[in-house]
């Protein structure tokens, strides 16, 4: 069974702020709201995001968040 991690109450405010930061870098079309919620929640719990979605790499370049691509392609 996988562990459950609480989504912070401030996630929507933080997602809007992160989207704004991405827009300032002309990267605002890359990450969906779900991507932002996952990134913020992972950051709050000191987790590495394992992904097969390059949008997380774009977010990580901005935030410094640890990510790892697991796409075998």
N, C-alpha and C. Protein backbone atom coordinates (compact mmCIF):
# COMPACT_ATOMS: atom_id res chain seq x y z
N UNK A 1 0.84 -1.18 0.00
CA UNK A 1 0.00 0.00 0.00
C UNK A 1 0.89 1.25 0.00
N UNK A 2 0.53 2.20 -0.80
CA UNK A 2 1.28 3.46 -0.87
C UNK A 2 0.84 4.39 0.25
N UNK A 3 1.77 5.19 0.76
CA UNK A 3 1.39 6.14 1.81
C UNK A 3 0.54 7.27 1.26
N UNK A 4 -0.22 7.87 2.14
CA UNK A 4 -1.08 9.01 1.79
C UNK A 4 -0.44 10.28 2.35
N UNK A 5 -0.41 11.33 1.56
CA UNK A 5 0.14 12.61 1.99
C UNK A 5 -0.93 13.68 1.84
N UNK A 6 -1.13 14.44 2.89
CA UNK A 6 -2.14 15.49 2.93
C UNK A 6 -1.79 16.63 1.98
N UNK A 7 -2.78 17.05 1.21
CA UNK A 7 -2.62 18.23 0.35
C UNK A 7 -2.79 19.45 1.25
N UNK A 8 -1.82 20.36 1.24
CA UNK A 8 -1.91 21.53 2.14
C UNK A 8 -3.12 22.41 1.80
N UNK A 9 -3.70 23.02 2.83
CA UNK A 9 -4.85 23.91 2.63
C UNK A 9 -4.50 25.09 1.73
N UNK A 10 -3.25 25.49 1.73
CA UNK A 10 -2.81 26.65 0.95
C UNK A 10 -2.47 26.31 -0.50
N UNK A 11 -2.78 25.10 -0.93
CA UNK A 11 -2.32 24.63 -2.24
C UNK A 11 -2.80 25.52 -3.39
N UNK A 12 -4.02 26.05 -3.32
CA UNK A 12 -4.53 26.84 -4.43
C UNK A 12 -3.82 28.19 -4.53
N UNK A 13 -3.55 28.79 -3.38
CA UNK A 13 -2.81 30.04 -3.37
C UNK A 13 -1.39 29.81 -3.88
N UNK A 14 -0.76 28.73 -3.42
CA UNK A 14 0.60 28.40 -3.85
C UNK A 14 0.64 28.04 -5.32
N UNK A 15 -0.38 27.34 -5.81
CA UNK A 15 -0.43 26.98 -7.24
C UNK A 15 -0.54 28.23 -8.10
N UNK A 16 -1.35 29.19 -7.67
CA UNK A 16 -1.48 30.44 -8.42
C UNK A 16 -0.15 31.19 -8.44
N UNK A 17 0.53 31.22 -7.31
CA UNK A 17 1.84 31.90 -7.24
C UNK A 17 2.87 31.20 -8.12
N UNK A 18 2.86 29.87 -8.10
CA UNK A 18 3.80 29.11 -8.93
C UNK A 18 3.49 29.31 -10.41
N UNK A 19 2.21 29.31 -10.76
CA UNK A 19 1.82 29.56 -12.15
C UNK A 19 2.29 30.95 -12.59
N UNK A 20 2.19 31.92 -11.71
CA UNK A 20 2.67 33.27 -12.02
C UNK A 20 4.18 33.27 -12.26
N UNK A 21 4.92 32.56 -11.42
CA UNK A 21 6.38 32.47 -11.60
C UNK A 21 6.72 31.79 -12.92
N UNK A 22 5.96 30.75 -13.28
CA UNK A 22 6.18 30.08 -14.57
C UNK A 22 5.88 31.02 -15.73
N UNK A 23 4.81 31.80 -15.58
CA UNK A 23 4.44 32.76 -16.63
C UNK A 23 5.55 33.80 -16.83
N UNK A 24 6.16 34.24 -15.73
CA UNK A 24 7.26 35.20 -15.84
C UNK A 24 8.44 34.64 -16.63
N UNK A 25 8.59 33.32 -16.64
CA UNK A 25 9.66 32.65 -17.38
C UNK A 25 9.18 32.11 -18.72
N UNK A 26 7.98 32.51 -19.12
CA UNK A 26 7.35 32.04 -20.37
C UNK A 26 7.20 30.52 -20.40
N UNK A 27 6.95 29.92 -19.25
CA UNK A 27 6.76 28.47 -19.15
C UNK A 27 5.37 28.13 -18.63
N UNK A 28 4.45 29.08 -18.66
CA UNK A 28 3.15 28.93 -18.03
C UNK A 28 2.22 27.92 -18.69
N UNK A 29 2.49 27.51 -19.90
CA UNK A 29 1.62 26.56 -20.57
C UNK A 29 2.04 25.11 -20.34
N UNK A 30 3.12 24.91 -19.62
CA UNK A 30 3.64 23.55 -19.48
C UNK A 30 2.91 22.75 -18.41
N UNK A 31 2.67 23.33 -17.26
CA UNK A 31 2.17 22.56 -16.12
C UNK A 31 0.67 22.76 -15.92
N UNK A 32 -0.02 21.64 -15.75
CA UNK A 32 -1.45 21.70 -15.46
C UNK A 32 -1.65 22.01 -13.98
N UNK A 33 -2.88 22.29 -13.61
CA UNK A 33 -3.19 22.52 -12.20
C UNK A 33 -2.85 21.27 -11.39
N UNK A 34 -3.12 20.11 -11.93
CA UNK A 34 -2.80 18.86 -11.22
C UNK A 34 -1.29 18.75 -11.01
N UNK A 35 -0.50 19.07 -12.04
CA UNK A 35 0.96 19.05 -11.90
C UNK A 35 1.41 19.97 -10.76
N UNK A 36 0.83 21.16 -10.70
CA UNK A 36 1.20 22.12 -9.67
C UNK A 36 0.81 21.62 -8.28
N UNK A 37 -0.37 21.03 -8.15
CA UNK A 37 -0.80 20.49 -6.85
C UNK A 37 0.12 19.36 -6.41
N UNK A 38 0.48 18.48 -7.33
CA UNK A 38 1.41 17.39 -7.00
C UNK A 38 2.76 17.96 -6.58
N UNK A 39 3.27 18.92 -7.31
CA UNK A 39 4.58 19.51 -6.99
C UNK A 39 4.57 20.18 -5.62
N UNK A 40 3.54 20.95 -5.35
CA UNK A 40 3.45 21.66 -4.07
C UNK A 40 3.32 20.68 -2.91
N UNK A 41 2.48 19.67 -3.09
CA UNK A 41 2.29 18.67 -2.03
C UNK A 41 3.59 17.91 -1.78
N UNK A 42 4.27 17.53 -2.83
CA UNK A 42 5.55 16.81 -2.68
C UNK A 42 6.58 17.67 -1.97
N UNK A 43 6.63 18.95 -2.33
CA UNK A 43 7.58 19.85 -1.68
C UNK A 43 7.29 19.95 -0.19
N UNK A 44 6.04 20.09 0.17
CA UNK A 44 5.66 20.21 1.58
C UNK A 44 6.05 19.00 2.40
N UNK A 45 6.09 17.83 1.76
CA UNK A 45 6.40 16.58 2.47
C UNK A 45 7.82 16.08 2.19
N UNK A 46 8.64 16.95 1.56
CA UNK A 46 10.03 16.60 1.24
C UNK A 46 10.13 15.31 0.43
N UNK A 47 9.31 15.21 -0.61
CA UNK A 47 9.28 14.03 -1.47
C UNK A 47 9.90 14.34 -2.83
N UNK A 48 10.43 13.32 -3.46
CA UNK A 48 10.89 13.41 -4.85
C UNK A 48 9.71 13.05 -5.74
N UNK A 49 9.48 13.83 -6.77
CA UNK A 49 8.41 13.51 -7.71
C UNK A 49 8.98 12.57 -8.77
N UNK A 50 8.46 11.35 -8.81
CA UNK A 50 8.81 10.39 -9.87
C UNK A 50 7.78 10.60 -10.97
N UNK A 51 8.24 10.82 -12.17
CA UNK A 51 7.30 11.20 -13.22
C UNK A 51 7.68 10.65 -14.58
N UNK A 52 6.67 10.68 -15.46
CA UNK A 52 6.87 10.40 -16.88
C UNK A 52 6.28 11.57 -17.67
N UNK A 53 6.40 12.75 -17.10
CA UNK A 53 5.82 13.98 -17.64
C UNK A 53 6.86 15.09 -17.51
N UNK A 54 7.41 15.52 -18.62
CA UNK A 54 8.51 16.50 -18.61
C UNK A 54 8.11 17.85 -18.00
N UNK A 55 6.81 18.08 -17.83
CA UNK A 55 6.38 19.33 -17.20
C UNK A 55 6.96 19.46 -15.79
N UNK A 56 7.12 18.34 -15.11
CA UNK A 56 7.70 18.37 -13.77
C UNK A 56 9.15 18.83 -13.79
N UNK A 57 9.87 18.53 -14.86
CA UNK A 57 11.25 19.01 -14.99
C UNK A 57 11.28 20.53 -15.12
N UNK A 58 10.33 21.08 -15.86
CA UNK A 58 10.24 22.54 -16.03
C UNK A 58 9.96 23.20 -14.68
N UNK A 59 9.00 22.65 -13.94
CA UNK A 59 8.68 23.19 -12.62
C UNK A 59 9.90 23.08 -11.70
N UNK A 60 10.58 21.95 -11.74
CA UNK A 60 11.74 21.73 -10.87
C UNK A 60 12.88 22.71 -11.16
N UNK A 61 13.05 23.08 -12.42
CA UNK A 61 14.09 24.07 -12.74
C UNK A 61 13.83 25.40 -12.04
N UNK A 62 12.57 25.72 -11.88
CA UNK A 62 12.19 26.97 -11.24
C UNK A 62 12.21 26.87 -9.72
N UNK A 63 11.77 25.74 -9.19
CA UNK A 63 11.60 25.61 -7.73
C UNK A 63 12.79 24.94 -7.03
N UNK A 64 13.58 24.20 -7.79
CA UNK A 64 14.66 23.43 -7.17
C UNK A 64 14.19 22.13 -6.55
N UNK A 65 12.95 21.80 -6.79
CA UNK A 65 12.35 20.59 -6.25
C UNK A 65 13.01 19.35 -6.86
N UNK A 66 13.25 18.31 -6.05
CA UNK A 66 13.84 17.09 -6.62
C UNK A 66 12.79 16.30 -7.42
N UNK A 67 13.16 15.94 -8.63
CA UNK A 67 12.32 15.14 -9.50
C UNK A 67 13.18 14.06 -10.17
N UNK A 68 12.51 13.03 -10.62
CA UNK A 68 13.20 11.97 -11.35
C UNK A 68 12.29 11.41 -12.42
N UNK A 69 12.75 11.45 -13.65
CA UNK A 69 11.97 10.91 -14.76
C UNK A 69 12.12 9.38 -14.76
N UNK A 70 10.99 8.70 -14.80
CA UNK A 70 11.01 7.24 -14.80
C UNK A 70 10.50 6.68 -16.12
N UNK A 71 10.34 7.54 -17.11
CA UNK A 71 9.86 7.14 -18.43
C UNK A 71 10.98 6.37 -19.14
N UNK A 72 10.71 5.14 -19.51
CA UNK A 72 11.73 4.27 -20.12
C UNK A 72 11.86 4.47 -21.62
N UNK A 73 11.15 5.42 -22.19
CA UNK A 73 11.22 5.63 -23.65
C UNK A 73 12.54 6.11 -24.08
